[in-house]
């Protein structure tokens, strides 16, 4: 999906993956030297499912995004239509604002392109 390539150009994005509802990676990008495990697509859908269950239990409305912080940088999980998930690995917490702005710009086109 060409629109996702713009995320690759966003400073602070180390990797991204478009993951299907079944956990299989549909498209992905990673900067040279960034290691990503083989199971991260399935893990993304599992984490998102757990976060949805928490949101439902708390009555906080629909899930918009999940962020998990790690010493090597945060991970963002964004639910898309059809059960797809956009997973982004960032280099550091300081990149969150810039990356969220880039997401806001590309998500409408991503949603339109999904079946």
N, C-alpha and C. Protein backbone atom coordinates (compact mmCIF):
# COMPACT_ATOMS: atom_id res chain seq x y z
N UNK A 1 0.85 -1.17 0.00
CA UNK A 1 0.00 0.00 0.00
C UNK A 1 0.90 1.24 0.00
N UNK A 2 0.86 1.96 -1.08
CA UNK A 2 1.77 3.08 -1.28
C UNK A 2 1.68 4.14 -0.17
N UNK A 3 0.49 4.37 0.34
CA UNK A 3 0.32 5.40 1.36
C UNK A 3 1.13 5.08 2.63
N UNK A 4 1.30 3.81 2.94
CA UNK A 4 2.06 3.43 4.12
C UNK A 4 3.55 3.73 3.98
N UNK A 5 4.02 3.83 2.75
CA UNK A 5 5.43 4.16 2.53
C UNK A 5 5.78 5.52 3.12
N UNK A 6 4.78 6.40 3.22
CA UNK A 6 5.03 7.72 3.82
C UNK A 6 5.42 7.59 5.28
N UNK A 7 4.92 6.55 5.95
CA UNK A 7 5.32 6.34 7.35
C UNK A 7 6.79 5.97 7.44
N UNK A 8 7.30 5.30 6.42
CA UNK A 8 8.71 4.91 6.40
C UNK A 8 9.62 6.13 6.36
N UNK A 9 9.10 7.22 5.82
CA UNK A 9 9.88 8.46 5.71
C UNK A 9 9.76 9.34 6.94
N UNK A 10 8.91 8.94 7.88
CA UNK A 10 8.70 9.73 9.09
C UNK A 10 9.82 9.47 10.08
N UNK A 11 10.49 10.52 10.50
CA UNK A 11 11.56 10.39 11.48
C UNK A 11 11.00 9.80 12.76
N UNK A 12 11.68 8.80 13.28
CA UNK A 12 11.26 8.15 14.51
C UNK A 12 10.61 6.80 14.30
N UNK A 13 10.19 6.49 13.06
CA UNK A 13 9.58 5.19 12.78
C UNK A 13 10.69 4.21 12.40
N UNK A 14 10.91 3.22 13.27
CA UNK A 14 11.91 2.19 12.99
C UNK A 14 11.34 1.07 12.12
N UNK A 15 10.06 0.79 12.30
CA UNK A 15 9.41 -0.29 11.54
C UNK A 15 7.90 -0.12 11.62
N UNK A 16 7.22 -0.68 10.64
CA UNK A 16 5.76 -0.74 10.69
C UNK A 16 5.31 -2.01 9.99
N UNK A 17 4.12 -2.45 10.36
CA UNK A 17 3.55 -3.63 9.71
C UNK A 17 2.04 -3.48 9.66
N UNK A 18 1.49 -3.83 8.52
CA UNK A 18 0.06 -3.94 8.36
C UNK A 18 -0.26 -5.42 8.56
N UNK A 19 -1.04 -5.70 9.60
CA UNK A 19 -1.29 -7.08 10.00
C UNK A 19 -2.77 -7.39 9.80
N UNK A 20 -3.06 -8.52 9.18
CA UNK A 20 -4.44 -8.94 8.99
C UNK A 20 -5.04 -9.47 10.27
N UNK A 21 -6.34 -9.64 10.26
CA UNK A 21 -7.06 -10.12 11.45
C UNK A 21 -6.54 -11.47 11.92
N UNK A 22 -6.01 -12.25 10.99
CA UNK A 22 -5.49 -13.58 11.31
C UNK A 22 -4.07 -13.55 11.86
N UNK A 23 -3.47 -12.36 11.96
CA UNK A 23 -2.12 -12.24 12.51
C UNK A 23 -1.02 -12.31 11.47
N UNK A 24 -1.37 -12.54 10.22
CA UNK A 24 -0.35 -12.59 9.17
C UNK A 24 -0.01 -11.18 8.70
N UNK A 25 1.26 -10.95 8.49
CA UNK A 25 1.73 -9.64 8.03
C UNK A 25 1.42 -9.49 6.55
N UNK A 26 0.68 -8.43 6.21
CA UNK A 26 0.30 -8.17 4.82
C UNK A 26 1.35 -7.32 4.12
N UNK A 27 1.87 -6.33 4.83
CA UNK A 27 2.93 -5.46 4.32
C UNK A 27 3.77 -5.02 5.51
N UNK A 28 5.04 -4.75 5.26
CA UNK A 28 5.91 -4.34 6.36
C UNK A 28 7.10 -3.54 5.85
N UNK A 29 7.67 -2.81 6.78
CA UNK A 29 8.88 -2.04 6.52
C UNK A 29 9.70 -2.03 7.81
N UNK A 30 11.01 -2.06 7.66
CA UNK A 30 11.89 -1.83 8.82
C UNK A 30 13.16 -1.19 8.34
N UNK A 31 13.65 -0.27 9.15
CA UNK A 31 14.91 0.39 8.83
C UNK A 31 16.04 -0.65 8.90
N UNK A 32 17.08 -0.48 8.11
CA UNK A 32 18.21 -1.40 8.19
C UNK A 32 18.75 -1.48 9.63
N UNK A 33 19.01 -2.69 10.07
CA UNK A 33 19.54 -2.90 11.41
C UNK A 33 18.48 -3.11 12.47
N UNK A 34 17.21 -2.91 12.13
CA UNK A 34 16.13 -3.11 13.10
C UNK A 34 15.67 -4.56 13.02
N UNK A 35 15.74 -5.24 14.14
CA UNK A 35 15.34 -6.65 14.20
C UNK A 35 13.90 -6.75 14.70
N UNK A 36 13.10 -7.53 14.01
CA UNK A 36 11.72 -7.78 14.39
C UNK A 36 11.50 -9.28 14.34
N UNK A 37 10.91 -9.82 15.39
CA UNK A 37 10.68 -11.27 15.46
C UNK A 37 9.64 -11.73 14.46
N UNK A 38 9.61 -13.02 14.23
CA UNK A 38 8.68 -13.62 13.26
C UNK A 38 7.22 -13.62 13.74
N UNK A 39 7.00 -13.56 15.04
CA UNK A 39 5.66 -13.70 15.57
C UNK A 39 4.97 -12.37 15.87
N UNK A 40 5.59 -11.26 15.49
CA UNK A 40 5.05 -9.98 15.94
C UNK A 40 3.68 -9.67 15.38
N UNK A 41 3.32 -10.20 14.22
CA UNK A 41 1.98 -9.97 13.67
C UNK A 41 0.91 -10.60 14.54
N UNK A 42 1.13 -11.84 14.92
CA UNK A 42 0.18 -12.52 15.80
C UNK A 42 0.12 -11.88 17.17
N UNK A 43 1.26 -11.43 17.65
CA UNK A 43 1.29 -10.77 18.96
C UNK A 43 0.52 -9.45 18.92
N UNK A 44 0.61 -8.73 17.81
CA UNK A 44 -0.10 -7.46 17.67
C UNK A 44 -1.60 -7.67 17.78
N UNK A 45 -2.12 -8.68 17.11
CA UNK A 45 -3.56 -8.92 17.17
C UNK A 45 -3.99 -9.38 18.57
N UNK A 46 -3.15 -10.14 19.25
CA UNK A 46 -3.47 -10.59 20.61
C UNK A 46 -3.50 -9.43 21.59
N UNK A 47 -2.52 -8.55 21.51
CA UNK A 47 -2.49 -7.39 22.40
C UNK A 47 -3.70 -6.51 22.15
N UNK A 48 -4.03 -6.30 20.89
CA UNK A 48 -5.17 -5.46 20.55
C UNK A 48 -6.48 -6.08 21.06
N UNK A 49 -6.61 -7.38 20.94
CA UNK A 49 -7.81 -8.06 21.44
C UNK A 49 -7.94 -7.88 22.95
N UNK A 50 -6.84 -7.99 23.67
CA UNK A 50 -6.86 -7.78 25.12
C UNK A 50 -7.24 -6.35 25.47
N UNK A 51 -6.68 -5.39 24.74
CA UNK A 51 -6.99 -3.98 24.98
C UNK A 51 -8.46 -3.68 24.70
N UNK A 52 -9.02 -4.31 23.67
CA UNK A 52 -10.45 -4.13 23.37
C UNK A 52 -11.31 -4.68 24.51
N UNK A 53 -10.91 -5.81 25.06
CA UNK A 53 -11.65 -6.40 26.18
C UNK A 53 -11.62 -5.47 27.39
N UNK A 54 -10.48 -4.87 27.66
CA UNK A 54 -10.37 -3.92 28.77
C UNK A 54 -11.26 -2.72 28.52
N UNK A 55 -11.24 -2.19 27.31
CA UNK A 55 -12.06 -1.02 26.97
C UNK A 55 -13.54 -1.34 27.15
N UNK A 56 -13.93 -2.52 26.72
CA UNK A 56 -15.33 -2.92 26.85
C UNK A 56 -15.72 -3.05 28.31
N UNK A 57 -14.86 -3.68 29.09
CA UNK A 57 -15.13 -3.88 30.52
C UNK A 57 -15.24 -2.55 31.26
N UNK A 58 -14.40 -1.60 30.89
CA UNK A 58 -14.41 -0.29 31.55
C UNK A 58 -15.44 0.67 30.99
N UNK A 59 -16.02 0.33 29.85
CA UNK A 59 -17.01 1.19 29.23
C UNK A 59 -16.44 2.52 28.76
N UNK A 60 -15.23 2.47 28.22
CA UNK A 60 -14.54 3.70 27.81
C UNK A 60 -14.74 4.04 26.34
N UNK A 61 -15.55 3.29 25.63
CA UNK A 61 -15.76 3.56 24.22
C UNK A 61 -14.85 2.71 23.37
N UNK A 62 -14.93 2.92 22.05
CA UNK A 62 -14.12 2.09 21.14
C UNK A 62 -12.62 2.39 21.27
N UNK A 63 -11.84 1.37 21.05
CA UNK A 63 -10.39 1.47 21.13
C UNK A 63 -9.85 2.27 19.94
N UNK A 64 -9.01 3.25 20.21
CA UNK A 64 -8.42 4.06 19.13
C UNK A 64 -6.96 3.72 18.88
N UNK A 65 -6.24 3.38 19.95
CA UNK A 65 -4.80 3.13 19.81
C UNK A 65 -4.29 2.50 21.10
N UNK A 66 -3.29 1.65 20.96
CA UNK A 66 -2.60 1.08 22.12
C UNK A 66 -1.14 1.46 22.00
N UNK A 67 -0.58 1.95 23.11
CA UNK A 67 0.85 2.25 23.13
C UNK A 67 1.48 1.47 24.28
N UNK A 68 2.57 0.79 23.97
CA UNK A 68 3.33 0.07 24.98
C UNK A 68 4.74 0.61 24.94
N UNK A 69 5.25 1.02 26.11
CA UNK A 69 6.60 1.60 26.16
C UNK A 69 7.62 0.56 26.58
N UNK A 70 8.76 0.60 25.88
CA UNK A 70 9.89 -0.26 26.18
C UNK A 70 11.15 0.59 26.21
N UNK A 71 12.22 0.11 26.84
CA UNK A 71 13.46 0.89 26.86
C UNK A 71 13.99 1.23 25.46
N UNK A 72 13.73 0.35 24.50
CA UNK A 72 14.22 0.56 23.13
C UNK A 72 13.29 1.44 22.30
N UNK A 73 12.15 1.87 22.88
CA UNK A 73 11.20 2.71 22.18
C UNK A 73 9.80 2.14 22.24
N UNK A 74 8.80 2.99 22.07
CA UNK A 74 7.42 2.54 22.17
C UNK A 74 6.93 1.80 20.93
N UNK A 75 5.85 1.06 21.12
CA UNK A 75 5.16 0.37 20.04
C UNK A 75 3.73 0.89 20.02
N UNK A 76 3.24 1.28 18.85
CA UNK A 76 1.86 1.72 18.68
C UNK A 76 1.10 0.66 17.90
N UNK A 77 -0.12 0.38 18.35
CA UNK A 77 -1.01 -0.53 17.65
C UNK A 77 -2.28 0.24 17.34
N UNK A 78 -2.63 0.31 16.07
CA UNK A 78 -3.80 1.07 15.64
C UNK A 78 -4.77 0.11 14.96
N UNK A 79 -5.98 -0.04 15.54
CA UNK A 79 -6.96 -0.91 14.89
C UNK A 79 -7.50 -0.26 13.62
N UNK A 80 -7.66 -1.07 12.59
CA UNK A 80 -8.19 -0.61 11.31
C UNK A 80 -9.47 -1.38 11.01
N UNK A 81 -10.11 -1.08 9.91
CA UNK A 81 -11.35 -1.80 9.60
C UNK A 81 -11.03 -3.23 9.16
N UNK A 82 -12.04 -4.08 9.29
CA UNK A 82 -11.88 -5.47 8.90
C UNK A 82 -10.98 -6.27 9.81
N UNK A 83 -10.70 -5.75 11.00
CA UNK A 83 -9.85 -6.47 11.95
C UNK A 83 -8.36 -6.31 11.72
N UNK A 84 -7.98 -5.53 10.72
CA UNK A 84 -6.56 -5.30 10.47
C UNK A 84 -5.96 -4.41 11.56
N UNK A 85 -4.65 -4.47 11.70
CA UNK A 85 -3.93 -3.69 12.70
C UNK A 85 -2.71 -3.06 12.04
N UNK A 86 -2.44 -1.81 12.36
CA UNK A 86 -1.20 -1.16 11.95
C UNK A 86 -0.31 -1.10 13.18
N UNK A 87 0.85 -1.71 13.09
CA UNK A 87 1.80 -1.76 14.20
C UNK A 87 3.01 -0.93 13.84
N UNK A 88 3.39 -0.01 14.73
CA UNK A 88 4.55 0.84 14.48
C UNK A 88 5.55 0.72 15.62
N UNK A 89 6.81 0.53 15.30
CA UNK A 89 7.89 0.53 16.28
C UNK A 89 8.61 1.86 16.16
N UNK A 90 8.71 2.58 17.27
CA UNK A 90 9.34 3.90 17.27
C UNK A 90 10.70 3.84 17.94
N UNK A 91 11.55 4.79 17.59
CA UNK A 91 12.89 4.80 18.15
C UNK A 91 12.94 5.31 19.58
N UNK A 92 12.05 6.24 19.93
CA UNK A 92 12.03 6.79 21.28
C UNK A 92 10.69 7.47 21.56
N UNK A 93 10.37 7.67 22.82
CA UNK A 93 9.11 8.30 23.20
C UNK A 93 8.99 9.70 22.63
N UNK A 94 10.10 10.40 22.50
CA UNK A 94 10.08 11.77 21.98
C UNK A 94 9.53 11.85 20.55
N UNK A 95 9.47 10.74 19.84
CA UNK A 95 8.97 10.72 18.47
C UNK A 95 7.45 10.58 18.39
N UNK A 96 6.79 10.36 19.52
CA UNK A 96 5.35 10.08 19.51
C UNK A 96 4.52 11.16 18.81
N UNK A 97 4.75 12.42 19.13
CA UNK A 97 3.95 13.49 18.55
C UNK A 97 4.07 13.54 17.04
N UNK A 98 5.29 13.46 16.55
CA UNK A 98 5.54 13.51 15.11
C UNK A 98 4.89 12.32 14.40
N UNK A 99 5.01 11.14 15.00
CA UNK A 99 4.47 9.93 14.39
C UNK A 99 2.94 9.95 14.43
N UNK A 100 2.37 10.41 15.52
CA UNK A 100 0.91 10.49 15.60
C UNK A 100 0.36 11.48 14.58
N UNK A 101 1.07 12.57 14.34
CA UNK A 101 0.65 13.53 13.31
C UNK A 101 0.70 12.88 11.93
N UNK A 102 1.77 12.14 11.66
CA UNK A 102 1.88 11.43 10.37
C UNK A 102 0.75 10.41 10.23
N UNK A 103 0.44 9.71 11.31
CA UNK A 103 -0.66 8.74 11.28
C UNK A 103 -1.99 9.42 10.97
N UNK A 104 -2.23 10.55 11.59
CA UNK A 104 -3.47 11.29 11.36
C UNK A 104 -3.63 11.64 9.88
N UNK A 105 -2.52 11.90 9.23
CA UNK A 105 -2.56 12.27 7.82
C UNK A 105 -2.77 11.08 6.89
N UNK A 106 -2.22 9.92 7.23
CA UNK A 106 -2.30 8.77 6.32
C UNK A 106 -3.47 7.83 6.61
N UNK A 107 -3.98 7.81 7.83
CA UNK A 107 -5.02 6.84 8.18
C UNK A 107 -6.28 6.92 7.31
N UNK A 108 -6.77 8.11 6.96
CA UNK A 108 -7.96 8.11 6.08
C UNK A 108 -7.73 7.38 4.76
N UNK A 109 -6.55 7.56 4.16
CA UNK A 109 -6.24 6.87 2.90
C UNK A 109 -6.06 5.37 3.12
N UNK A 110 -5.48 5.00 4.25
CA UNK A 110 -5.30 3.57 4.56
C UNK A 110 -6.66 2.91 4.71
N UNK A 111 -7.56 3.55 5.46
CA UNK A 111 -8.90 2.99 5.67
C UNK A 111 -9.65 2.85 4.36
N UNK A 112 -9.48 3.82 3.49
CA UNK A 112 -10.15 3.78 2.19
C UNK A 112 -9.61 2.65 1.32
N UNK A 113 -8.34 2.35 1.44
CA UNK A 113 -7.72 1.33 0.60
C UNK A 113 -7.98 -0.09 1.09
N UNK A 114 -8.37 -0.23 2.34
CA UNK A 114 -8.64 -1.57 2.87
C UNK A 114 -9.98 -2.10 2.39
N UNK A 115 -10.08 -3.41 2.19
CA UNK A 115 -11.36 -3.98 1.73
C UNK A 115 -12.43 -3.92 2.82
